[in-house]
Amino acid sequence: MRVDRVLACAVTLLTFVAATAAAQDPVEQTTTTTTTTTTTMVTEVDYDNSWILSGFVGSSFGVSAQQASVNFGGSLSYLHNGAFGMEVLAGFSPSLRLNRLGGLESDVNSYMANVIAAIPLGDVSRVHPFISGGIGAMTLSLDENAALGITRSGNAVFDPDQTQFAGNIGVGLMAFGPGHWGIRADVRYFSGLGSSGSSVTTDTDGDLPVAYGLAEDALRKSSFWRANVGVALRW
Protein backbone atom coordinates (compact mmCIF):
# COMPACT_ATOMS: atom_id res chain seq x y z
CA MET A 1 0.00 0.00 0.00
CA ARG A 2 2.88 2.34 0.75
CA VAL A 3 4.27 1.75 -2.74
CA ASP A 4 0.91 2.51 -4.30
CA ARG A 5 0.69 5.77 -2.33
CA VAL A 6 4.19 6.74 -3.40
CA LEU A 7 3.39 6.06 -7.07
CA ALA A 8 0.12 7.96 -6.80
CA CYS A 9 1.89 10.93 -5.22
CA ALA A 10 4.57 10.82 -7.93
CA VAL A 11 1.98 10.76 -10.74
CA THR A 12 0.09 13.61 -9.11
CA LEU A 13 3.31 15.67 -8.78
CA LEU A 14 4.33 15.11 -12.40
CA THR A 15 0.87 16.07 -13.59
CA PHE A 16 1.02 19.30 -11.56
CA VAL A 17 4.48 20.18 -12.88
CA ALA A 18 3.42 19.52 -16.50
CA ALA A 19 0.31 21.63 -16.12
CA THR A 20 2.29 24.46 -14.55
CA ALA A 21 4.89 24.37 -17.37
CA ALA A 22 2.19 24.38 -20.00
CA ALA A 23 0.58 27.38 -18.37
CA GLN A 24 3.90 29.28 -18.42
CA ASP A 25 4.72 28.66 -22.19
CA PRO A 26 3.91 31.77 -24.28
CA VAL A 27 1.26 31.44 -26.92
CA GLU A 28 2.73 32.37 -30.32
CA GLN A 29 0.57 34.77 -32.23
CA THR A 30 1.09 35.61 -35.89
CA THR A 31 0.24 39.14 -36.88
CA THR A 32 -0.14 39.82 -40.59
CA THR A 33 0.45 43.41 -41.69
CA THR A 34 -1.02 44.41 -45.02
CA THR A 35 0.67 47.29 -46.79
CA THR A 36 -1.34 49.06 -49.46
CA THR A 37 0.63 50.93 -52.12
CA THR A 38 -1.22 53.66 -53.92
CA THR A 39 0.10 54.64 -57.33
CA THR A 40 -0.87 58.08 -58.58
CA MET A 41 -1.11 58.28 -62.33
CA VAL A 42 -0.34 61.73 -63.75
CA THR A 43 -2.25 62.23 -66.95
CA GLU A 44 -0.84 64.90 -69.23
CA VAL A 45 -3.20 67.18 -71.09
CA ASP A 46 -3.63 66.57 -74.79
CA TYR A 47 -2.46 69.71 -76.59
CA ASP A 48 -3.38 68.65 -80.14
CA ASN A 49 -5.43 71.84 -80.45
CA SER A 50 -3.96 74.65 -78.42
CA TRP A 51 -3.57 78.37 -77.96
CA ILE A 52 -0.03 79.63 -77.36
CA LEU A 53 0.77 83.03 -75.86
CA SER A 54 4.40 84.16 -75.84
CA GLY A 55 6.46 87.19 -74.93
CA PHE A 56 9.96 87.69 -76.28
CA VAL A 57 13.02 89.91 -76.43
CA GLY A 58 15.84 90.00 -78.95
CA SER A 59 17.60 92.09 -81.58
CA SER A 60 16.83 93.80 -84.88
CA PHE A 61 19.76 93.86 -87.31
CA GLY A 62 21.10 93.72 -90.85
CA VAL A 63 20.04 94.85 -94.34
CA SER A 64 18.65 98.40 -93.83
CA ALA A 65 19.70 98.66 -90.18
CA GLN A 66 23.01 100.42 -89.54
CA GLN A 67 23.52 98.54 -86.28
CA ALA A 68 21.75 96.01 -84.08
CA SER A 69 19.15 97.29 -81.63
CA VAL A 70 17.00 95.76 -78.93
CA ASN A 71 13.46 94.68 -79.75
CA PHE A 72 10.66 93.06 -77.77
CA GLY A 73 7.09 91.95 -78.33
CA GLY A 74 4.59 89.13 -78.15
CA SER A 75 2.49 86.71 -80.17
CA LEU A 76 -0.74 84.75 -79.89
CA SER A 77 -0.99 81.54 -81.93
CA TYR A 78 -3.51 78.77 -82.47
CA LEU A 79 -2.40 75.33 -83.66
CA HIS A 80 -4.85 72.72 -84.95
CA ASN A 81 -3.61 69.14 -84.42
CA GLY A 82 -0.33 70.74 -83.37
CA ALA A 83 0.49 71.40 -87.03
CA PHE A 84 -1.40 74.24 -88.73
CA GLY A 85 -2.88 77.49 -87.58
CA MET A 86 -2.80 81.25 -87.38
CA GLU A 87 -0.94 83.79 -85.28
CA VAL A 88 -0.83 87.51 -84.62
CA LEU A 89 2.53 89.05 -83.80
CA ALA A 90 3.58 92.47 -82.55
CA GLY A 91 7.20 93.64 -82.29
CA PHE A 92 8.74 96.90 -81.11
CA SER A 93 12.20 98.33 -81.88
CA PRO A 94 12.50 101.61 -79.96
CA SER A 95 15.93 102.66 -81.24
CA LEU A 96 16.44 101.21 -84.72
CA ARG A 97 18.81 103.16 -86.95
CA LEU A 98 17.75 102.88 -90.60
CA ASN A 99 20.15 103.71 -93.42
CA ARG A 100 17.55 105.75 -95.31
CA LEU A 101 17.07 108.03 -92.29
CA GLY A 102 20.73 108.98 -92.09
CA GLY A 103 21.28 106.75 -89.06
CA LEU A 104 18.83 108.60 -86.83
CA GLU A 105 17.25 106.51 -84.09
CA SER A 106 13.63 105.69 -84.88
CA ASP A 107 10.84 103.65 -83.36
CA VAL A 108 9.98 100.91 -85.85
CA ASN A 109 7.10 98.67 -84.86
CA SER A 110 5.42 95.80 -86.67
CA TYR A 111 1.96 94.23 -86.45
CA MET A 112 1.51 91.02 -88.44
CA ALA A 113 -1.16 88.40 -89.15
CA ASN A 114 0.52 85.12 -90.09
CA VAL A 115 -0.21 81.57 -91.08
CA ILE A 116 1.90 79.02 -89.20
CA ALA A 117 2.89 75.43 -89.98
CA ALA A 118 4.58 73.25 -87.36
CA ILE A 119 5.80 69.67 -86.87
CA PRO A 120 4.61 68.25 -83.51
CA LEU A 121 7.32 66.09 -81.93
CA GLY A 122 7.68 64.20 -78.64
CA ASP A 123 5.14 63.25 -75.99
CA VAL A 124 1.88 65.23 -76.21
CA SER A 125 3.46 67.45 -78.86
CA ARG A 126 6.07 69.00 -76.61
CA VAL A 127 8.34 70.28 -79.40
CA HIS A 128 7.21 72.29 -82.44
CA PRO A 129 9.67 73.38 -85.13
CA PHE A 130 7.69 75.89 -87.19
CA ILE A 131 7.62 78.31 -90.08
CA SER A 132 5.28 81.27 -90.29
CA GLY A 133 4.73 84.25 -92.49
CA GLY A 134 2.17 86.84 -93.45
CA ILE A 135 1.37 90.49 -93.97
CA GLY A 136 0.52 93.49 -91.85
CA ALA A 137 1.82 96.95 -91.09
CA MET A 138 5.05 98.62 -90.02
CA THR A 139 5.04 101.98 -88.29
CA LEU A 140 7.88 104.47 -87.94
CA SER A 141 8.15 107.34 -85.49
CA LEU A 142 11.02 109.81 -85.57
CA ASP A 143 11.76 112.81 -83.39
CA GLU A 144 10.70 115.80 -85.46
CA ASN A 145 13.33 118.19 -84.10
CA ALA A 146 16.13 115.74 -84.90
CA ALA A 147 14.81 115.26 -88.40
CA LEU A 148 14.48 118.97 -89.14
CA GLY A 149 17.94 119.50 -87.71
CA ILE A 150 19.52 117.56 -90.56
CA THR A 151 17.15 118.82 -93.25
CA ARG A 152 19.09 121.69 -94.75
CA SER A 153 16.78 122.43 -97.60
CA GLY A 154 13.95 124.89 -97.10
CA ASN A 155 11.60 122.92 -99.34
CA ALA A 156 12.15 119.53 -97.68
CA VAL A 157 8.96 117.92 -96.49
CA PHE A 158 9.03 115.75 -93.42
CA ASP A 159 6.35 113.65 -91.78
CA PRO A 160 7.81 112.02 -88.64
CA ASP A 161 5.11 109.33 -88.29
CA GLN A 162 4.21 106.83 -90.98
CA THR A 163 2.46 103.48 -91.35
CA GLN A 164 3.13 101.22 -94.31
CA PHE A 165 2.11 97.85 -95.69
CA ALA A 166 4.74 95.17 -94.89
CA GLY A 167 5.40 91.45 -94.81
CA ASN A 168 7.39 88.96 -92.75
CA ILE A 169 8.56 85.35 -92.77
CA GLY A 170 10.41 83.38 -90.11
CA VAL A 171 11.41 80.00 -88.72
CA GLY A 172 11.63 78.94 -85.11
CA LEU A 173 11.07 76.41 -82.37
CA MET A 174 8.59 76.06 -79.51
CA ALA A 175 9.33 73.55 -76.72
CA PHE A 176 7.24 72.74 -73.65
CA GLY A 177 7.65 70.76 -70.44
CA PRO A 178 4.97 68.45 -69.02
CA GLY A 179 2.89 71.45 -67.97
CA HIS A 180 1.72 74.63 -69.65
CA TRP A 181 5.02 76.54 -69.80
CA GLY A 182 7.78 76.47 -72.38
CA ILE A 183 9.97 78.61 -74.63
CA ARG A 184 9.72 80.08 -78.11
CA ALA A 185 12.60 81.25 -80.29
CA ASP A 186 12.61 82.44 -83.90
CA VAL A 187 14.51 84.35 -86.58
CA ARG A 188 12.33 86.54 -88.79
CA TYR A 189 12.72 88.78 -91.85
CA PHE A 190 10.64 91.96 -92.23
CA SER A 191 10.29 94.12 -95.30
CA GLY A 192 8.28 97.12 -96.37
CA LEU A 193 6.13 96.50 -99.45
CA GLY A 194 5.59 98.91 -102.32
CA SER A 195 7.60 101.45 -104.25
CA SER A 196 8.63 104.90 -103.16
CA GLY A 197 6.58 107.89 -104.23
CA SER A 198 9.20 110.49 -103.33
CA SER A 199 12.53 111.42 -104.86
CA VAL A 200 15.56 111.27 -102.67
CA THR A 201 18.42 113.72 -103.17
CA THR A 202 21.39 114.72 -101.05
CA ASP A 203 22.43 118.02 -99.57
CA THR A 204 25.26 120.14 -100.91
CA ASP A 205 27.76 118.19 -98.81
CA GLY A 206 26.56 114.97 -100.34
CA ASP A 207 26.30 113.14 -97.03
CA LEU A 208 22.68 113.45 -95.87
CA PRO A 209 19.33 112.88 -97.59
CA VAL A 210 17.26 116.01 -98.02
CA ALA A 211 13.98 115.09 -99.67
CA TYR A 212 14.23 111.72 -97.96
CA GLY A 213 12.28 113.63 -95.32
CA LEU A 214 9.32 111.32 -95.89
CA ALA A 215 9.39 108.47 -93.39
CA GLU A 216 7.07 106.76 -95.87
CA ASP A 217 9.99 106.38 -98.24
CA ALA A 218 12.19 104.88 -95.53
CA LEU A 219 9.58 102.34 -94.52
CA ARG A 220 8.78 101.19 -98.05
CA LYS A 221 12.41 100.58 -98.89
CA SER A 222 13.62 99.18 -95.58
CA SER A 223 14.04 95.56 -94.50
CA PHE A 224 15.73 93.92 -91.54
CA TRP A 225 16.03 90.76 -89.48
CA ARG A 226 14.81 90.06 -85.97
CA ALA A 227 16.03 87.28 -83.67
CA ASN A 228 13.96 86.63 -80.53
CA VAL A 229 13.64 84.24 -77.61
CA GLY A 230 11.09 84.20 -74.80
CA VAL A 231 8.61 82.31 -72.65
CA ALA A 232 5.45 80.63 -73.95
CA LEU A 233 2.20 79.56 -72.29
CA ARG A 234 -0.15 77.05 -73.93
CA TRP A 235 -3.63 75.90 -73.02
C-alpha atoms as a PDB file:
ATOM      1  CA  MET A   1       0.000   0.000   0.000  1.00  0.00           C
ATOM      2  CA  ARG A   2       2.884   2.338   0.751  1.00  0.00           C
ATOM      3  CA  VAL A   3       4.267   1.745  -2.742  1.00  0.00           C
ATOM      4  CA  ASP A   4       0.907   2.515  -4.296  1.00  0.00           C
ATOM      5  CA  ARG A   5       0.690   5.766  -2.333  1.00  0.00           C
ATOM      6  CA  VAL A   6       4.186   6.735  -3.398  1.00  0.00           C
ATOM      7  CA  LEU A   7       3.394   6.065  -7.069  1.00  0.00           C
ATOM      8  CA  ALA A   8       0.115   7.956  -6.796  1.00  0.00           C
ATOM      9  CA  CYS A   9       1.888  10.929  -5.225  1.00  0.00           C
ATOM     10  CA  ALA A  10       4.569  10.817  -7.934  1.00  0.00           C
ATOM     11  CA  VAL A  11       1.984  10.760 -10.737  1.00  0.00           C
ATOM     12  CA  THR A  12       0.091  13.613  -9.112  1.00  0.00           C
ATOM     13  CA  LEU A  13       3.312  15.669  -8.776  1.00  0.00           C
ATOM     14  CA  LEU A  14       4.334  15.110 -12.402  1.00  0.00           C
ATOM     15  CA  THR A  15       0.871  16.067 -13.587  1.00  0.00           C
ATOM     16  CA  PHE A  16       1.019  19.298 -11.557  1.00  0.00           C
ATOM     17  CA  VAL A  17       4.476  20.181 -12.878  1.00  0.00           C
ATOM     18  CA  ALA A  18       3.422  19.525 -16.497  1.00  0.00           C
ATOM     19  CA  ALA A  19       0.310  21.629 -16.120  1.00  0.00           C
ATOM     20  CA  THR A  20       2.294  24.461 -14.551  1.00  0.00           C
ATOM     21  CA  ALA A  21       4.890  24.370 -17.366  1.00  0.00           C
ATOM     22  CA  ALA A  22       2.189  24.380 -19.995  1.00  0.00           C
ATOM     23  CA  ALA A  23       0.581  27.381 -18.368  1.00  0.00           C
ATOM     24  CA  GLN A  24       3.904  29.276 -18.420  1.00  0.00           C
ATOM     25  CA  ASP A  25       4.716  28.659 -22.189  1.00  0.00           C
ATOM     26  CA  PRO A  26       3.909  31.767 -24.284  1.00  0.00           C
ATOM     27  CA  VAL A  27       1.257  31.438 -26.925  1.00  0.00           C
ATOM     28  CA  GLU A  28       2.730  32.366 -30.321  1.00  0.00           C
ATOM     29  CA  GLN A  29       0.571  34.767 -32.232  1.00  0.00           C
ATOM     30  CA  THR A  30       1.093  35.608 -35.885  1.00  0.00           C
ATOM     31  CA  THR A  31       0.241  39.138 -36.879  1.00  0.00           C
ATOM     32  CA  THR A  32      -0.139  39.819 -40.593  1.00  0.00           C
ATOM     33  CA  THR A  33       0.448  43.407 -41.693  1.00  0.00           C
ATOM     34  CA  THR A  34      -1.017  44.407 -45.023  1.00  0.00           C
ATOM     35  CA  THR A  35       0.667  47.293 -46.795  1.00  0.00           C
ATOM     36  CA  THR A  36      -1.343  49.056 -49.459  1.00  0.00           C
ATOM     37  CA  THR A  37       0.632  50.925 -52.116  1.00  0.00           C
ATOM     38  CA  THR A  38      -1.224  53.664 -53.921  1.00  0.00           C
ATOM     39  CA  THR A  39       0.097  54.641 -57.327  1.00  0.00           C
ATOM     40  CA  THR A  40      -0.868  58.080 -58.578  1.00  0.00           C
ATOM     41  CA  MET A  41      -1.107  58.279 -62.330  1.00  0.00           C
ATOM     42  CA  VAL A  42      -0.339  61.734 -63.754  1.00  0.00           C
ATOM     43  CA  THR A  43      -2.253  62.225 -66.954  1.00  0.00           C
ATOM     44  CA  GLU A  44      -0.841  64.896 -69.233  1.00  0.00           C
ATOM     45  CA  VAL A  45      -3.201  67.180 -71.094  1.00  0.00           C
ATOM     46  CA  ASP A  46      -3.634  66.573 -74.791  1.00  0.00           C
ATOM     47  CA  TYR A  47      -2.463  69.707 -76.586  1.00  0.00           C
ATOM     48  CA  ASP A  48      -3.375  68.654 -80.136  1.00  0.00           C
ATOM     49  CA  ASN A  49      -5.434  71.836 -80.454  1.00  0.00           C
ATOM     50  CA  SER A  50      -3.962  74.646 -78.419  1.00  0.00           C
ATOM     51  CA  TRP A  51      -3.569  78.375 -77.959  1.00  0.00           C
ATOM     52  CA  ILE A  52      -0.030  79.630 -77.361  1.00  0.00           C
ATOM     53  CA  LEU A  53       0.770  83.030 -75.863  1.00  0.00           C
ATOM     54  CA  SER A  54       4.396  84.164 -75.842  1.00  0.00           C
ATOM     55  CA  GLY A  55       6.459  87.189 -74.927  1.00  0.00           C
ATOM     56  CA  PHE A  56       9.958  87.695 -76.278  1.00  0.00           C
ATOM     57  CA  VAL A  57      13.017  89.909 -76.427  1.00  0.00           C
ATOM     58  CA  GLY A  58      15.838  90.004 -78.948  1.00  0.00           C
ATOM     59  CA  SER A  59      17.601  92.092 -81.575  1.00  0.00           C
ATOM     60  CA  SER A  60      16.829  93.798 -84.884  1.00  0.00           C
ATOM     61  CA  PHE A  61      19.758  93.857 -87.305  1.00  0.00           C
ATOM     62  CA  GLY A  62      21.100  93.722 -90.851  1.00  0.00           C
ATOM     63  CA  VAL A  63      20.041  94.851 -94.338  1.00  0.00           C
ATOM     64  CA  SER A  64      18.655  98.404 -93.834  1.00  0.00           C
ATOM     65  CA  ALA A  65      19.698  98.665 -90.185  1.00  0.00           C
ATOM     66  CA  GLN A  66      23.007 100.419 -89.542  1.00  0.00           C
ATOM     67  CA  GLN A  67      23.520  98.544 -86.278  1.00  0.00           C
ATOM     68  CA  ALA A  68      21.746  96.006 -84.084  1.00  0.00           C
ATOM     69  CA  SER A  69      19.153  97.287 -81.632  1.00  0.00           C
ATOM     70  CA  VAL A  70      17.004  95.756 -78.928  1.00  0.00           C
ATOM     71  CA  ASN A  71      13.464  94.682 -79.749  1.00  0.00           C
ATOM     72  CA  PHE A  72      10.659  93.062 -77.772  1.00  0.00           C
ATOM     73  CA  GLY A  73       7.094  91.947 -78.332  1.00  0.00           C
ATOM     74  CA  GLY A  74       4.587  89.130 -78.154  1.00  0.00           C
ATOM     75  CA  SER A  75       2.492  86.714 -80.174  1.00  0.00           C
ATOM     76  CA  LEU A  76      -0.744  84.746 -79.895  1.00  0.00           C
ATOM     77  CA  SER A  77      -0.994  81.542 -81.930  1.00  0.00           C
ATOM     78  CA  TYR A  78      -3.514  78.772 -82.466  1.00  0.00           C
ATOM     79  CA  LEU A  79      -2.404  75.327 -83.662  1.00  0.00           C
ATOM     80  CA  HIS A  80      -4.854  72.721 -84.953  1.00  0.00           C
ATOM     81  CA  ASN A  81      -3.611  69.145 -84.423  1.00  0.00           C
ATOM     82  CA  GLY A  82      -0.332  70.736 -83.374  1.00  0.00           C
ATOM     83  CA  ALA A  83       0.493  71.397 -87.027  1.00  0.00           C
ATOM     84  CA  PHE A  84      -1.402  74.238 -88.730  1.00  0.00           C
ATOM     85  CA  GLY A  85      -2.883  77.494 -87.583  1.00  0.00           C
ATOM     86  CA  MET A  86      -2.803  81.253 -87.376  1.00  0.00           C
ATOM     87  CA  GLU A  87      -0.943  83.788 -85.278  1.00  0.00           C
ATOM     88  CA  VAL A  88      -0.833  87.507 -84.622  1.00  0.00           C
ATOM     89  CA  LEU A  89       2.528  89.049 -83.803  1.00  0.00           C
ATOM     90  CA  ALA A  90       3.581  92.467 -82.548  1.00  0.00           C
ATOM     91  CA  GLY A  91       7.195  93.641 -82.289  1.00  0.00           C
ATOM     92  CA  PHE A  92       8.745  96.898 -81.109  1.00  0.00           C
ATOM     93  CA  SER A  93      12.203  98.331 -81.876  1.00  0.00           C
ATOM     94  CA  PRO A  94      12.501 101.614 -79.957  1.00  0.00           C
ATOM     95  CA  SER A  95      15.931 102.660 -81.244  1.00  0.00           C
ATOM     96  CA  LEU A  96      16.436 101.208 -84.716  1.00  0.00           C
ATOM     97  CA  ARG A  97      18.812 103.157 -86.954  1.00  0.00           C
ATOM     98  CA  LEU A  98      17.754 102.884 -90.602  1.00  0.00           C
ATOM     99  CA  ASN A  99      20.152 103.710 -93.424  1.00  0.00           C
ATOM    100  CA  ARG A 100      17.553 105.748 -95.306  1.00  0.00           C
ATOM    101  CA  LEU A 101      17.074 108.032 -92.293  1.00  0.00           C
ATOM    102  CA  GLY A 102      20.727 108.981 -92.087  1.00  0.00           C
ATOM    103  CA  GLY A 103      21.280 106.745 -89.061  1.00  0.00           C
ATOM    104  CA  LEU A 104      18.827 108.599 -86.831  1.00  0.00           C
ATOM    105  CA  GLU A 105      17.251 106.514 -84.090  1.00  0.00           C
ATOM    106  CA  SER A 106      13.626 105.695 -84.880  1.00  0.00           C
ATOM    107  CA  ASP A 107      10.841 103.648 -83.360  1.00  0.00           C
ATOM    108  CA  VAL A 108       9.980 100.914 -85.850  1.00  0.00           C
ATOM    109  CA  ASN A 109       7.103  98.668 -84.857  1.00  0.00           C
ATOM    110  CA  SER A 110       5.416  95.796 -86.673  1.00  0.00           C
ATOM    111  CA  TYR A 111       1.960  94.227 -86.455  1.00  0.00           C
ATOM    112  CA  MET A 112       1.510  91.022 -88.437  1.00  0.00           C
ATOM    113  CA  ALA A 113      -1.161  88.405 -89.147  1.00  0.00           C
ATOM    114  CA  ASN A 114       0.525  85.116 -90.086  1.00  0.00           C
ATOM    115  CA  VAL A 115      -0.211  81.569 -91.080  1.00  0.00           C
ATOM    116  CA  ILE A 116       1.897  79.022 -89.203  1.00  0.00           C
ATOM    117  CA  ALA A 117       2.893  75.432 -89.977  1.00  0.00           C
ATOM    118  CA  ALA A 118       4.582  73.247 -87.355  1.00  0.00           C
ATOM    119  CA  ILE A 119       5.801  69.674 -86.869  1.00  0.00           C
ATOM    120  CA  PRO A 120       4.614  68.253 -83.511  1.00  0.00           C
ATOM    121  CA  LEU A 121       7.321  66.088 -81.932  1.00  0.00           C
ATOM    122  CA  GLY A 122       7.677  64.199 -78.644  1.00  0.00           C
ATOM    123  CA  ASP A 123       5.136  63.246 -75.990  1.00  0.00           C
ATOM    124  CA  VAL A 124       1.883  65.230 -76.209  1.00  0.00           C
ATOM    125  CA  SER A 125       3.461  67.446 -78.857  1.00  0.00           C
ATOM    126  CA  ARG A 126       6.074  68.997 -76.608  1.00  0.00           C
ATOM    127  CA  VAL A 127       8.339  70.282 -79.403  1.00  0.00           C
ATOM    128  CA  HIS A 128       7.208  72.288 -82.436  1.00  0.00           C
ATOM    129  CA  PRO A 129       9.673  73.380 -85.130  1.00  0.00           C
ATOM    130  CA  PHE A 130       7.689  75.888 -87.191  1.00  0.00           C
ATOM    131  CA  ILE A 131       7.623  78.306 -90.080  1.00  0.00           C
ATOM    132  CA  SER A 132       5.277  81.265 -90.285  1.00  0.00           C
ATOM    133  CA  GLY A 133       4.725  84.247 -92.490  1.00  0.00           C
ATOM    134  CA  GLY A 134       2.173  86.838 -93.447  1.00  0.00           C
ATOM    135  CA  ILE A 135       1.371  90.492 -93.970  1.00  0.00           C
ATOM    136  CA  GLY A 136       0.525  93.486 -91.852  1.00  0.00           C
ATOM    137  CA  ALA A 137       1.815  96.948 -91.092  1.00  0.00           C
ATOM    138  CA  MET A 138       5.045  98.619 -90.016  1.00  0.00           C
ATOM    139  CA  THR A 139       5.038 101.979 -88.286  1.00  0.00           C
ATOM    140  CA  LEU A 140       7.884 104.465 -87.943  1.00  0.00           C
ATOM    141  CA  SER A 141       8.145 107.340 -85.485  1.00  0.00           C
ATOM    142  CA  LEU A 142      11.025 109.810 -85.573  1.00  0.00           C
ATOM    143  CA  ASP A 143      11.763 112.812 -83.392  1.00  0.00           C
ATOM    144  CA  GLU A 144      10.697 115.804 -85.464  1.00  0.00           C
ATOM    145  CA  ASN A 145      13.328 118.190 -84.099  1.00  0.00           C
ATOM    146  CA  ALA A 146      16.129 115.744 -84.901  1.00  0.00           C
ATOM    147  CA  ALA A 147      14.811 115.262 -88.400  1.00  0.00           C
ATOM    148  CA  LEU A 148      14.475 118.974 -89.138  1.00  0.00           C
ATOM    149  CA  GLY A 149      17.941 119.496 -87.705  1.00  0.00           C
ATOM    150  CA  ILE A 150      19.518 117.557 -90.565  1.00  0.00           C
ATOM    151  CA  THR A 151      17.146 118.823 -93.254  1.00  0.00           C
ATOM    152  CA  ARG A 152      19.094 121.692 -94.745  1.00  0.00           C
ATOM    153  CA  SER A 153      16.778 122.434 -97.598  1.00  0.00           C
ATOM    154  CA  GLY A 154      13.954 124.892 -97.096  1.00  0.00           C
ATOM    155  CA  ASN A 155      11.604 122.920 -99.335  1.00  0.00           C
ATOM    156  CA  ALA A 156      12.154 119.533 -97.680  1.00  0.00           C
ATOM    157  CA  VAL A 157       8.962 117.925 -96.495  1.00  0.00           C
ATOM    158  CA  PHE A 158       9.033 115.755 -93.418  1.00  0.00           C
ATOM    159  CA  ASP A 159       6.354 113.654 -91.777  1.00  0.00           C
ATOM    160  CA  PRO A 160       7.811 112.015 -88.639  1.00  0.00           C
ATOM    161  CA  ASP A 161       5.107 109.331 -88.291  1.00  0.00           C
ATOM    162  CA  GLN A 162       4.210 106.831 -90.979  1.00  0.00           C
ATOM    163  CA  THR A 163       2.456 103.483 -91.351  1.00  0.00           C
ATOM    164  CA  GLN A 164       3.132 101.220 -94.312  1.00  0.00           C
ATOM    165  CA  PHE A 165       2.112  97.852 -95.694  1.00  0.00           C
ATOM    166  CA  ALA A 166       4.742  95.173 -94.894  1.00  0.00           C
ATOM    167  CA  GLY A 167       5.398  91.453 -94.805  1.00  0.00           C
ATOM    168  CA  ASN A 168       7.385  88.956 -92.755  1.00  0.00           C
ATOM    169  CA  ILE A 169       8.558  85.349 -92.766  1.00  0.00           C
ATOM    170  CA  GLY A 170      10.414  83.378 -90.107  1.00  0.00           C
ATOM    171  CA  VAL A 171      11.411  79.997 -88.722  1.00  0.00           C
ATOM    172  CA  GLY A 172      11.626  78.945 -85.113  1.00  0.00           C
ATOM    173  CA  LEU A 173      11.070  76.411 -82.370  1.00  0.00           C
ATOM    174  CA  MET A 174       8.592  76.059 -79.512  1.00  0.00           C
ATOM    175  CA  ALA A 175       9.326  73.554 -76.718  1.00  0.00           C
ATOM    176  CA  PHE A 176       7.236  72.740 -73.647  1.00  0.00           C
ATOM    177  CA  GLY A 177       7.648  70.763 -70.442  1.00  0.00           C
ATOM    178  CA  PRO A 178       4.965  68.449 -69.018  1.00  0.00           C
ATOM    179  CA  GLY A 179       2.892  71.447 -67.969  1.00  0.00           C
ATOM    180  CA  HIS A 180       1.719  74.629 -69.654  1.00  0.00           C
ATOM    181  CA  TRP A 181       5.019  76.542 -69.799  1.00  0.00           C
ATOM    182  CA  GLY A 182       7.776  76.468 -72.384  1.00  0.00           C
ATOM    183  CA  ILE A 183       9.970  78.612 -74.625  1.00  0.00           C
ATOM    184  CA  ARG A 184       9.719  80.085 -78.107  1.00  0.00           C
ATOM    185  CA  ALA A 185      12.598  81.251 -80.288  1.00  0.00           C
ATOM    186  CA  ASP A 186      12.614  82.441 -83.898  1.00  0.00           C
ATOM    187  CA  VAL A 187      14.510  84.352 -86.575  1.00  0.00           C
ATOM    188  CA  ARG A 188      12.332  86.537 -88.789  1.00  0.00           C
ATOM    189  CA  TYR A 189      12.721  88.779 -91.848  1.00  0.00           C
ATOM    190  CA  PHE A 190      10.641  91.959 -92.228  1.00  0.00           C
ATOM    191  CA  SER A 191      10.292  94.119 -95.297  1.00  0.00           C
ATOM    192  CA  GLY A 192       8.283  97.120 -96.370  1.00  0.00           C
ATOM    193  CA  LEU A 193       6.129  96.497 -99.454  1.00  0.00           C
ATOM    194  CA  GLY A 194       5.589  98.914-102.320  1.00  0.00           C
ATOM    195  CA  SER A 195       7.599 101.454-104.251  1.00  0.00           C
ATOM    196  CA  SER A 196       8.632 104.901-103.156  1.00  0.00           C
ATOM    197  CA  GLY A 197       6.577 107.889-104.226  1.00  0.00           C
ATOM    198  CA  SER A 198       9.203 110.488-103.332  1.00  0.00           C
ATOM    199  CA  SER A 199      12.526 111.422-104.863  1.00  0.00           C
ATOM    200  CA  VAL A 200      15.558 111.270-102.670  1.00  0.00           C
ATOM    201  CA  THR A 201      18.418 113.718-103.169  1.00  0.00           C
ATOM    202  CA  THR A 202      21.390 114.721-101.051  1.00  0.00           C
ATOM    203  CA  ASP A 203      22.426 118.025 -99.569  1.00  0.00           C
ATOM    204  CA  THR A 204      25.257 120.145-100.905  1.00  0.00           C
ATOM    205  CA  ASP A 205      27.756 118.191 -98.812  1.00  0.00           C
ATOM    206  CA  GLY A 206      26.558 114.965-100.341  1.00  0.00           C
ATOM    207  CA  ASP A 207      26.302 113.140 -97.032  1.00  0.00           C
ATOM    208  CA  LEU A 208      22.681 113.451 -95.875  1.00  0.00           C
ATOM    209  CA  PRO A 209      19.331 112.880 -97.591  1.00  0.00           C
ATOM    210  CA  VAL A 210      17.257 116.008 -98.018  1.00  0.00           C
ATOM    211  CA  ALA A 211      13.978 115.087 -99.672  1.00  0.00           C
ATOM    212  CA  TYR A 212      14.230 111.717 -97.957  1.00  0.00           C
ATOM    213  CA  GLY A 213      12.275 113.626 -95.315  1.00  0.00           C
ATOM    214  CA  LEU A 214       9.321 111.316 -95.890  1.00  0.00           C
ATOM    215  CA  ALA A 215       9.391 108.467 -93.395  1.00  0.00           C
ATOM    216  CA  GLU A 216       7.073 106.760 -95.867  1.00  0.00           C
ATOM    217  CA  ASP A 217       9.994 106.381 -98.241  1.00  0.00           C
ATOM    218  CA  ALA A 218      12.191 104.884 -95.530  1.00  0.00           C
ATOM    219  CA  LEU A 219       9.583 102.341 -94.522  1.00  0.00           C
ATOM    220  CA  ARG A 220       8.780 101.185 -98.053  1.00  0.00           C
ATOM    221  CA  LYS A 221      12.414 100.581 -98.885  1.00  0.00           C
ATOM    222  CA  SER A 222      13.620  99.176 -95.577  1.00  0.00           C
ATOM    223  CA  SER A 223      14.038  95.564 -94.503  1.00  0.00           C
ATOM    224  CA  PHE A 224      15.731  93.925 -91.539  1.00  0.00           C
ATOM    225  CA  TRP A 225      16.033  90.761 -89.480  1.00  0.00           C
ATOM    226  CA  ARG A 226      14.806  90.060 -85.970  1.00  0.00           C
ATOM    227  CA  ALA A 227      16.027  87.277 -83.668  1.00  0.00           C
ATOM    228  CA  ASN A 228      13.957  86.632 -80.535  1.00  0.00           C
ATOM    229  CA  VAL A 229      13.644  84.239 -77.605  1.00  0.00           C
ATOM    230  CA  GLY A 230      11.094  84.198 -74.796  1.00  0.00           C
ATOM    231  CA  VAL A 231       8.608  82.310 -72.647  1.00  0.00           C
ATOM    232  CA  ALA A 232       5.448  80.633 -73.952  1.00  0.00           C
ATOM    233  CA  LEU A 233       2.202  79.558 -72.295  1.00  0.00           C
ATOM    234  CA  ARG A 234      -0.145  77.052 -73.931  1.00  0.00           C
ATOM    235  CA  TRP A 235      -3.629  75.895 -73.018  1.00  0.00           C
END
